[in-house]
Amino acid sequence: MSDLTPEKAKAYWARTSSLMWTMLGIWFFFGFVVHFFAPQLNNIRIIGFPLGFYMAAQGSLIAFVVSLFWFASKQNSIDEEFGVAEDE
């Protein structure tokens, strides 16, 4: 990353930082907010299971895994855009 100009390095960090804050927001939502409202979500049923139970048992875990793959893809595209991607 030493070949980046200071302006490009600042832009790279801005994009990476923005992605990081987005991921932290997603993590907070599925890690805390959904579970906080689980009793209210239990009034909604999906395939016979209350939605609050489903989100606590499976939904949040699925969201975390999907968000990790999305994060890796987005970060890789940012790295490629700024020319700091890893060689394949």
PDB file of N, CA and C in Angstrom:
ATOM      1  N   MET A   1       0.828  -1.180   0.000  1.00  0.00           N
ATOM      2  CA  MET A   1       0.000   0.000   0.000  1.00  0.00           C
ATOM      3  C   MET A   1       0.875   1.247   0.000  1.00  0.00           C
ATOM      4  N   SER A   2       2.159   1.078  -0.005  1.00  0.00           N
ATOM      5  CA  SER A   2       3.056   2.221   0.039  1.00  0.00           C
ATOM      6  C   SER A   2       3.059   3.011  -1.259  1.00  0.00           C
ATOM      7  N   ASP A   3       2.579   2.411  -2.357  1.00  0.00           N
ATOM      8  CA  ASP A   3       2.568   3.121  -3.636  1.00  0.00           C
ATOM      9  C   ASP A   3       1.352   4.034  -3.793  1.00  0.00           C
ATOM     10  N   LEU A   4       0.480   4.076  -2.809  1.00  0.00           N
ATOM     11  CA  LEU A   4      -0.674   4.962  -2.870  1.00  0.00           C
ATOM     12  C   LEU A   4      -0.257   6.379  -2.487  1.00  0.00           C
ATOM     13  N   THR A   5      -0.806   7.340  -3.213  1.00  0.00           N
ATOM     14  CA  THR A   5      -0.589   8.730  -2.837  1.00  0.00           C
ATOM     15  C   THR A   5      -1.390   9.013  -1.561  1.00  0.00           C
ATOM     16  N   PRO A   6      -1.036  10.041  -0.828  1.00  0.00           N
ATOM     17  CA  PRO A   6      -1.801  10.349   0.393  1.00  0.00           C
ATOM     18  C   PRO A   6      -3.290  10.585   0.124  1.00  0.00           C
ATOM     19  N   GLU A   7      -3.610  11.187  -1.027  1.00  0.00           N
ATOM     20  CA  GLU A   7      -5.027  11.422  -1.353  1.00  0.00           C
ATOM     21  C   GLU A   7      -5.746  10.102  -1.601  1.00  0.00           C
ATOM     22  N   LYS A   8      -5.080   9.183  -2.348  1.00  0.00           N
ATOM     23  CA  LYS A   8      -5.698   7.883  -2.616  1.00  0.00           C
ATOM     24  C   LYS A   8      -5.800   7.057  -1.343  1.00  0.00           C
ATOM     25  N   ALA A   9      -4.788   7.146  -0.489  1.00  0.00           N
ATOM     26  CA  ALA A   9      -4.834   6.409   0.775  1.00  0.00           C
ATOM     27  C   ALA A   9      -5.981   6.907   1.646  1.00  0.00           C
ATOM     28  N   LYS A  10      -6.210   8.218   1.641  1.00  0.00           N
ATOM     29  CA  LYS A  10      -7.316   8.785   2.424  1.00  0.00           C
ATOM     30  C   LYS A  10      -8.664   8.332   1.863  1.00  0.00           C
ATOM     31  N   ALA A  11      -8.790   8.316   0.532  1.00  0.00           N
ATOM     32  CA  ALA A  11     -10.029   7.852  -0.103  1.00  0.00           C
ATOM     33  C   ALA A  11     -10.247   6.364   0.156  1.00  0.00           C
ATOM     34  N   TYR A  12      -9.163   5.583   0.109  1.00  0.00           N
ATOM     35  CA  TYR A  12      -9.246   4.143   0.386  1.00  0.00           C
ATOM     36  C   TYR A  12      -9.740   3.913   1.810  1.00  0.00           C
ATOM     37  N   TRP A  13      -9.163   4.648   2.760  1.00  0.00           N
ATOM     38  CA  TRP A  13      -9.579   4.470   4.143  1.00  0.00           C
ATOM     39  C   TRP A  13     -11.017   4.925   4.348  1.00  0.00           C
ATOM     40  N   ALA A  14     -11.446   5.965   3.665  1.00  0.00           N
ATOM     41  CA  ALA A  14     -12.828   6.434   3.788  1.00  0.00           C
ATOM     42  C   ALA A  14     -13.803   5.355   3.319  1.00  0.00           C
ATOM     43  N   ARG A  15     -13.504   4.723   2.196  1.00  0.00           N
ATOM     44  CA  ARG A  15     -14.380   3.655   1.681  1.00  0.00           C
ATOM     45  C   ARG A  15     -14.365   2.446   2.616  1.00  0.00           C
ATOM     46  N   THR A  16     -13.171   2.059   3.085  1.00  0.00           N
ATOM     47  CA  THR A  16     -13.058   0.914   3.983  1.00  0.00           C
ATOM     48  C   THR A  16     -13.749   1.203   5.310  1.00  0.00           C
ATOM     49  N   SER A  17     -13.578   2.396   5.830  1.00  0.00           N
ATOM     50  CA  SER A  17     -14.212   2.783   7.082  1.00  0.00           C
ATOM     51  C   SER A  17     -15.735   2.795   6.951  1.00  0.00           C
ATOM     52  N   SER A  18     -16.229   3.298   5.845  1.00  0.00           N
ATOM     53  CA  SER A  18     -17.673   3.314   5.607  1.00  0.00           C
ATOM     54  C   SER A  18     -18.235   1.890   5.578  1.00  0.00           C
ATOM     55  N   LEU A  19     -17.534   0.992   4.915  1.00  0.00           N
ATOM     56  CA  LEU A  19     -17.964  -0.404   4.863  1.00  0.00           C
ATOM     57  C   LEU A  19     -17.933  -1.025   6.260  1.00  0.00           C
ATOM     58  N   MET A  20     -16.904  -0.706   7.034  1.00  0.00           N
ATOM     59  CA  MET A  20     -16.795  -1.235   8.390  1.00  0.00           C
ATOM     60  C   MET A  20     -17.974  -0.777   9.252  1.00  0.00           C
ATOM     61  N   TRP A  21     -18.327   0.505   9.189  1.00  0.00           N
ATOM     62  CA  TRP A  21     -19.453   1.004   9.980  1.00  0.00           C
ATOM     63  C   TRP A  21     -20.773   0.401   9.532  1.00  0.00           C
ATOM     64  N   THR A  22     -20.916   0.160   8.245  1.00  0.00           N
ATOM     65  CA  THR A  22     -22.119  -0.509   7.745  1.00  0.00           C
ATOM     66  C   THR A  22     -22.217  -1.920   8.318  1.00  0.00           C
ATOM     67  N   MET A  23     -21.100  -2.634   8.312  1.00  0.00           N
ATOM     68  CA  MET A  23     -21.093  -3.988   8.859  1.00  0.00           C
ATOM     69  C   MET A  23     -21.385  -3.992  10.361  1.00  0.00           C
ATOM     70  N   LEU A  24     -20.843  -3.030  11.080  1.00  0.00           N
ATOM     71  CA  LEU A  24     -21.130  -2.952  12.513  1.00  0.00           C
ATOM     72  C   LEU A  24     -22.607  -2.667  12.763  1.00  0.00           C
ATOM     73  N   GLY A  25     -23.219  -1.855  11.902  1.00  0.00           N
ATOM     74  CA  GLY A  25     -24.658  -1.598  12.014  1.00  0.00           C
ATOM     75  C   GLY A  25     -25.477  -2.854  11.773  1.00  0.00           C
ATOM     76  N   ILE A  26     -25.101  -3.615  10.753  1.00  0.00           N
ATOM     77  CA  ILE A  26     -25.796  -4.874  10.466  1.00  0.00           C
ATOM     78  C   ILE A  26     -25.629  -5.847  11.636  1.00  0.00           C
ATOM     79  N   TRP A  27     -24.387  -5.946  12.139  1.00  0.00           N
ATOM     80  CA  TRP A  27     -24.131  -6.832  13.271  1.00  0.00           C
ATOM     81  C   TRP A  27     -24.958  -6.420  14.486  1.00  0.00           C
ATOM     82  N   PHE A  28     -24.987  -5.124  14.788  1.00  0.00           N
ATOM     83  CA  PHE A  28     -25.759  -4.646  15.937  1.00  0.00           C
ATOM     84  C   PHE A  28     -27.240  -4.951  15.767  1.00  0.00           C
ATOM     85  N   PHE A  29     -27.770  -4.723  14.559  1.00  0.00           N
ATOM     86  CA  PHE A  29     -29.190  -4.969  14.317  1.00  0.00           C
ATOM     87  C   PHE A  29     -29.545  -6.430  14.559  1.00  0.00           C
ATOM     88  N   PHE A  30     -28.799  -7.344  13.920  1.00  0.00           N
ATOM     89  CA  PHE A  30     -29.130  -8.761  14.056  1.00  0.00           C
ATOM     90  C   PHE A  30     -28.658  -9.358  15.381  1.00  0.00           C
ATOM     91  N   GLY A  31     -27.681  -8.736  16.025  1.00  0.00           N
ATOM     92  CA  GLY A  31     -27.190  -9.249  17.291  1.00  0.00           C
ATOM     93  C   GLY A  31     -27.984  -8.786  18.503  1.00  0.00           C
ATOM     94  N   PHE A  32     -28.543  -7.573  18.431  1.00  0.00           N
ATOM     95  CA  PHE A  32     -29.222  -7.027  19.596  1.00  0.00           C
ATOM     96  C   PHE A  32     -30.663  -6.599  19.328  1.00  0.00           C
ATOM     97  N   VAL A  33     -30.889  -5.831  18.272  1.00  0.00           N
ATOM     98  CA  VAL A  33     -32.218  -5.254  18.042  1.00  0.00           C
ATOM     99  C   VAL A  33     -33.258  -6.345  17.798  1.00  0.00           C
ATOM    100  N   VAL A  34     -32.938  -7.306  16.934  1.00  0.00           N
ATOM    101  CA  VAL A  34     -33.897  -8.375  16.646  1.00  0.00           C
ATOM    102  C   VAL A  34     -34.229  -9.146  17.914  1.00  0.00           C
ATOM    103  N   HIS A  35     -33.219  -9.433  18.745  1.00  0.00           N
ATOM    104  CA  HIS A  35     -33.471 -10.190  19.970  1.00  0.00           C
ATOM    105  C   HIS A  35     -34.222  -9.354  21.008  1.00  0.00           C
ATOM    106  N   PHE A  36     -34.010  -8.060  20.998  1.00  0.00           N
ATOM    107  CA  PHE A  36     -34.734  -7.192  21.917  1.00  0.00           C
ATOM    108  C   PHE A  36     -36.235  -7.223  21.633  1.00  0.00           C
ATOM    109  N   PHE A  37     -36.590  -7.312  20.338  1.00  0.00           N
ATOM    110  CA  PHE A  37     -38.002  -7.337  19.945  1.00  0.00           C
ATOM    111  C   PHE A  37     -38.533  -8.750  19.731  1.00  0.00           C
ATOM    112  N   ALA A  38     -37.823  -9.765  20.187  1.00  0.00           N
ATOM    113  CA  ALA A  38     -38.254 -11.146  19.986  1.00  0.00           C
ATOM    114  C   ALA A  38     -39.650 -11.430  20.542  1.00  0.00           C
ATOM    115  N   PRO A  39     -40.003 -10.947  21.727  1.00  0.00           N
ATOM    116  CA  PRO A  39     -41.359 -11.240  22.211  1.00  0.00           C
ATOM    117  C   PRO A  39     -42.459 -10.696  21.285  1.00  0.00           C
ATOM    118  N   GLN A  40     -42.242  -9.519  20.714  1.00  0.00           N
ATOM    119  CA  GLN A  40     -43.235  -8.974  19.787  1.00  0.00           C
ATOM    120  C   GLN A  40     -43.228  -9.748  18.469  1.00  0.00           C
ATOM    121  N   LEU A  41     -42.041 -10.196  18.053  1.00  0.00           N
ATOM    122  CA  LEU A  41     -41.949 -10.954  16.802  1.00  0.00           C
ATOM    123  C   LEU A  41     -42.549 -12.346  16.927  1.00  0.00           C
ATOM    124  N   ASN A  42     -42.693 -12.845  18.141  1.00  0.00           N
ATOM    125  CA  ASN A  42     -43.263 -14.177  18.337  1.00  0.00           C
ATOM    126  C   ASN A  42     -44.727 -14.249  17.927  1.00  0.00           C
ATOM    127  N   ASN A  43     -45.386 -13.110  17.767  1.00  0.00           N
ATOM    128  CA  ASN A  43     -46.771 -13.110  17.299  1.00  0.00           C
ATOM    129  C   ASN A  43     -46.875 -13.485  15.829  1.00  0.00           C
ATOM    130  N   ILE A  44     -45.780 -13.361  15.085  1.00  0.00           N
ATOM    131  CA  ILE A  44     -45.737 -13.731  13.674  1.00  0.00           C
ATOM    132  C   ILE A  44     -45.180 -15.150  13.579  1.00  0.00           C
ATOM    133  N   ARG A  45     -45.855 -16.006  12.820  1.00  0.00           N
ATOM    134  CA  ARG A  45     -45.417 -17.400  12.698  1.00  0.00           C
ATOM    135  C   ARG A  45     -44.980 -17.693  11.268  1.00  0.00           C
ATOM    136  N   ILE A  46     -43.861 -18.431  11.164  1.00  0.00           N
ATOM    137  CA  ILE A  46     -43.346 -18.884   9.874  1.00  0.00           C
ATOM    138  C   ILE A  46     -43.176 -20.396   9.970  1.00  0.00           C
ATOM    139  N   ILE A  47     -43.882 -21.113   9.144  1.00  0.00           N
ATOM    140  CA  ILE A  47     -43.874 -22.583   9.123  1.00  0.00           C
ATOM    141  C   ILE A  47     -44.107 -23.141  10.535  1.00  0.00           C
ATOM    142  N   GLY A  48     -44.998 -22.525  11.261  1.00  0.00           N
ATOM    143  CA  GLY A  48     -45.366 -22.989  12.589  1.00  0.00           C
ATOM    144  C   GLY A  48     -44.468 -22.520  13.718  1.00  0.00           C
ATOM    145  N   PHE A  49     -43.344 -21.896  13.417  1.00  0.00           N
ATOM    146  CA  PHE A  49     -42.434 -21.405  14.454  1.00  0.00           C
ATOM    147  C   PHE A  49     -42.624 -19.902  14.645  1.00  0.00           C
ATOM    148  N   PRO A  50     -42.559 -19.434  15.881  1.00  0.00           N
ATOM    149  CA  PRO A  50     -42.632 -17.991  16.102  1.00  0.00           C
ATOM    150  C   PRO A  50     -41.398 -17.294  15.508  1.00  0.00           C
ATOM    151  N   LEU A  51     -41.608 -16.151  14.876  1.00  0.00           N
ATOM    152  CA  LEU A  51     -40.528 -15.447  14.196  1.00  0.00           C
ATOM    153  C   LEU A  51     -39.413 -15.049  15.156  1.00  0.00           C
ATOM    154  N   GLY A  52     -39.735 -14.637  16.374  1.00  0.00           N
ATOM    155  CA  GLY A  52     -38.704 -14.278  17.350  1.00  0.00           C
ATOM    156  C   GLY A  52     -37.791 -15.451  17.659  1.00  0.00           C
ATOM    157  N   PHE A  53     -38.367 -16.636  17.838  1.00  0.00           N
ATOM    158  CA  PHE A  53     -37.573 -17.839  18.085  1.00  0.00           C
ATOM    159  C   PHE A  53     -36.715 -18.164  16.870  1.00  0.00           C
ATOM    160  N   TYR A  54     -37.299 -18.084  15.689  1.00  0.00           N
ATOM    161  CA  TYR A  54     -36.560 -18.400  14.464  1.00  0.00           C
ATOM    162  C   TYR A  54     -35.384 -17.446  14.273  1.00  0.00           C
ATOM    163  N   MET A  55     -35.607 -16.151  14.479  1.00  0.00           N
ATOM    164  CA  MET A  55     -34.530 -15.175  14.300  1.00  0.00           C
ATOM    165  C   MET A  55     -33.430 -15.390  15.335  1.00  0.00           C
ATOM    166  N   ALA A  56     -33.792 -15.764  16.563  1.00  0.00           N
ATOM    167  CA  ALA A  56     -32.777 -15.987  17.591  1.00  0.00           C
ATOM    168  C   ALA A  56     -31.999 -17.276  17.324  1.00  0.00           C
ATOM    169  N   ALA A  57     -32.691 -18.313  16.876  1.00  0.00           N
ATOM    170  CA  ALA A  57     -32.045 -19.611  16.708  1.00  0.00           C
ATOM    171  C   ALA A  57     -31.305 -19.739  15.384  1.00  0.00           C
ATOM    172  N   GLN A  58     -31.878 -19.227  14.305  1.00  0.00           N
ATOM    173  CA  GLN A  58     -31.292 -19.447  12.991  1.00  0.00           C
ATOM    174  C   GLN A  58     -31.092 -18.175  12.178  1.00  0.00           C
ATOM    175  N   GLY A  59     -32.053 -17.290  12.216  1.00  0.00           N
ATOM    176  CA  GLY A  59     -32.044 -16.128  11.334  1.00  0.00           C
ATOM    177  C   GLY A  59     -30.838 -15.225  11.516  1.00  0.00           C
ATOM    178  N   SER A  60     -30.483 -14.939  12.752  1.00  0.00           N
ATOM    179  CA  SER A  60     -29.331 -14.070  12.992  1.00  0.00           C
ATOM    180  C   SER A  60     -28.038 -14.730  12.531  1.00  0.00           C
ATOM    181  N   LEU A  61     -27.911 -16.026  12.759  1.00  0.00           N
ATOM    182  CA  LEU A  61     -26.705 -16.740  12.312  1.00  0.00           C
ATOM    183  C   LEU A  61     -26.587 -16.718  10.793  1.00  0.00           C
ATOM    184  N   ILE A  62     -27.695 -16.911  10.111  1.00  0.00           N
ATOM    185  CA  ILE A  62     -27.689 -16.858   8.647  1.00  0.00           C
ATOM    186  C   ILE A  62     -27.315 -15.456   8.189  1.00  0.00           C
ATOM    187  N   ALA A  63     -27.878 -14.445   8.828  1.00  0.00           N
ATOM    188  CA  ALA A  63     -27.563 -13.060   8.465  1.00  0.00           C
ATOM    189  C   ALA A  63     -26.085 -12.760   8.680  1.00  0.00           C
ATOM    190  N   PHE A  64     -25.495 -13.277   9.762  1.00  0.00           N
ATOM    191  CA  PHE A  64     -24.070 -13.049  10.021  1.00  0.00           C
ATOM    192  C   PHE A  64     -23.204 -13.679   8.932  1.00  0.00           C
ATOM    193  N   VAL A  65     -23.506 -14.908   8.548  1.00  0.00           N
ATOM    194  CA  VAL A  65     -22.707 -15.593   7.522  1.00  0.00           C
ATOM    195  C   VAL A  65     -22.838 -14.886   6.178  1.00  0.00           C
ATOM    196  N   VAL A  66     -24.059 -14.534   5.811  1.00  0.00           N
ATOM    197  CA  VAL A  66     -24.271 -13.833   4.537  1.00  0.00           C
ATOM    198  C   VAL A  66     -23.561 -12.487   4.557  1.00  0.00           C
ATOM    199  N   SER A  67     -23.637 -11.766   5.678  1.00  0.00           N
ATOM    200  CA  SER A  67     -22.986 -10.458   5.748  1.00  0.00           C
ATOM    201  C   SER A  67     -21.463 -10.586   5.683  1.00  0.00           C
ATOM    202  N   LEU A  68     -20.898 -11.666   6.218  1.00  0.00           N
ATOM    203  CA  LEU A  68     -19.450 -11.865   6.122  1.00  0.00           C
ATOM    204  C   LEU A  68     -19.003 -12.067   4.677  1.00  0.00           C
ATOM    205  N   PHE A  69     -19.752 -12.869   3.922  1.00  0.00           N
ATOM    206  CA  PHE A  69     -19.414 -13.055   2.512  1.00  0.00           C
ATOM    207  C   PHE A  69     -19.596 -11.758   1.730  1.00  0.00           C
ATOM    208  N   TRP A  70     -20.651 -11.005   2.032  1.00  0.00           N
ATOM    209  CA  TRP A  70     -20.884  -9.717   1.366  1.00  0.00           C
ATOM    210  C   TRP A  70     -19.750  -8.747   1.688  1.00  0.00           C
ATOM    211  N   PHE A  71     -19.334  -8.701   2.959  1.00  0.00           N
ATOM    212  CA  PHE A  71     -18.245  -7.827   3.374  1.00  0.00           C
ATOM    213  C   PHE A  71     -16.953  -8.168   2.638  1.00  0.00           C
ATOM    214  N   ALA A  72     -16.620  -9.451   2.569  1.00  0.00           N
ATOM    215  CA  ALA A  72     -15.390  -9.864   1.888  1.00  0.00           C
ATOM    216  C   ALA A  72     -15.420  -9.477   0.421  1.00  0.00           C
ATOM    217  N   SER A  73     -16.561  -9.635  -0.210  1.00  0.00           N
ATOM    218  CA  SER A  73     -16.695  -9.270  -1.623  1.00  0.00           C
ATOM    219  C   SER A  73     -16.544  -7.766  -1.827  1.00  0.00           C
ATOM    220  N   LYS A  74     -17.212  -6.981  -0.995  1.00  0.00           N
ATOM    221  CA  LYS A  74     -17.129  -5.521  -1.114  1.00  0.00           C
ATOM    222  C   LYS A  74     -15.723  -5.020  -0.817  1.00  0.00           C
ATOM    223  N   GLN A  75     -15.079  -5.576   0.214  1.00  0.00           N
ATOM    224  CA  GLN A  75     -13.728  -5.137   0.546  1.00  0.00           C
ATOM    225  C   GLN A  75     -12.757  -5.508  -0.576  1.00  0.00           C
ATOM    226  N   ASN A  76     -12.943  -6.663  -1.179  1.00  0.00           N
ATOM    227  CA  ASN A  76     -12.093  -7.059  -2.299  1.00  0.00           C
ATOM    228  C   ASN A  76     -12.270  -6.110  -3.476  1.00  0.00           C
ATOM    229  N   SER A  77     -13.496  -5.694  -3.753  1.00  0.00           N
ATOM    230  CA  SER A  77     -13.714  -4.763  -4.865  1.00  0.00           C
ATOM    231  C   SER A  77     -13.098  -3.396  -4.555  1.00  0.00           C
ATOM    232  N   ILE A  78     -13.130  -2.965  -3.293  1.00  0.00           N
ATOM    233  CA  ILE A  78     -12.472  -1.714  -2.907  1.00  0.00           C
ATOM    234  C   ILE A  78     -10.958  -1.862  -3.084  1.00  0.00           C
ATOM    235  N   ASP A  79     -10.412  -2.990  -2.653  1.00  0.00           N
ATOM    236  CA  ASP A  79      -8.976  -3.237  -2.807  1.00  0.00           C
ATOM    237  C   ASP A  79      -8.563  -3.225  -4.274  1.00  0.00           C
ATOM    238  N   GLU A  80      -9.357  -3.862  -5.125  1.00  0.00           N
ATOM    239  CA  GLU A  80      -9.054  -3.874  -6.558  1.00  0.00           C
ATOM    240  C   GLU A  80      -9.142  -2.484  -7.155  1.00  0.00           C
ATOM    241  N   GLU A  81     -10.121  -1.704  -6.743  1.00  0.00           N
ATOM    242  CA  GLU A  81     -10.279  -0.356  -7.254  1.00  0.00           C
ATOM    243  C   GLU A  81      -9.057   0.511  -6.945  1.00  0.00           C
ATOM    244  N   PHE A  82      -8.458   0.317  -5.786  1.00  0.00           N
ATOM    245  CA  PHE A  82      -7.312   1.134  -5.389  1.00  0.00           C
ATOM    246  C   PHE A  82      -5.977   0.453  -5.663  1.00  0.00           C
ATOM    247  N   GLY A  83      -6.024  -0.733  -6.266  1.00  0.00           N
ATOM    248  CA  GLY A  83      -4.792  -1.418  -6.650  1.00  0.00           C
ATOM    249  C   GLY A  83      -4.014  -2.036  -5.515  1.00  0.00           C
ATOM    250  N   VAL A  84      -4.700  -2.412  -4.438  1.00  0.00           N
ATOM    251  CA  VAL A  84      -4.014  -3.027  -3.310  1.00  0.00           C
ATOM    252  C   VAL A  84      -4.522  -4.446  -3.045  1.00  0.00           C
ATOM    253  N   ALA A  85      -5.186  -5.049  -4.027  1.00  0.00           N
ATOM    254  CA  ALA A  85      -5.736  -6.377  -3.864  1.00  0.00           C
ATOM    255  C   ALA A  85      -4.611  -7.408  -3.812  1.00  0.00           C
ATOM    256  N   GLU A  86      -4.900  -8.507  -3.155  1.00  0.00           N
ATOM    257  CA  GLU A  86      -3.938  -9.594  -3.085  1.00  0.00           C
ATOM    258  C   GLU A  86      -3.840 -10.281  -4.432  1.00  0.00           C
ATOM    259  N   ASP A  87      -2.662 -10.803  -4.735  1.00  0.00           N
ATOM    260  CA  ASP A  87      -2.486 -11.556  -5.974  1.00  0.00           C
ATOM    261  C   ASP A  87      -3.168 -12.904  -5.839  1.00  0.00           C
ATOM    262  N   GLU A  88      -3.734 -13.367  -6.948  1.00  0.00           N
ATOM    263  CA  GLU A  88      -4.433 -14.657  -6.913  1.00  0.00           C
ATOM    264  C   GLU A  88      -3.515 -15.791  -7.223  1.00  0.00           C
TER     265      GLU A  88
END
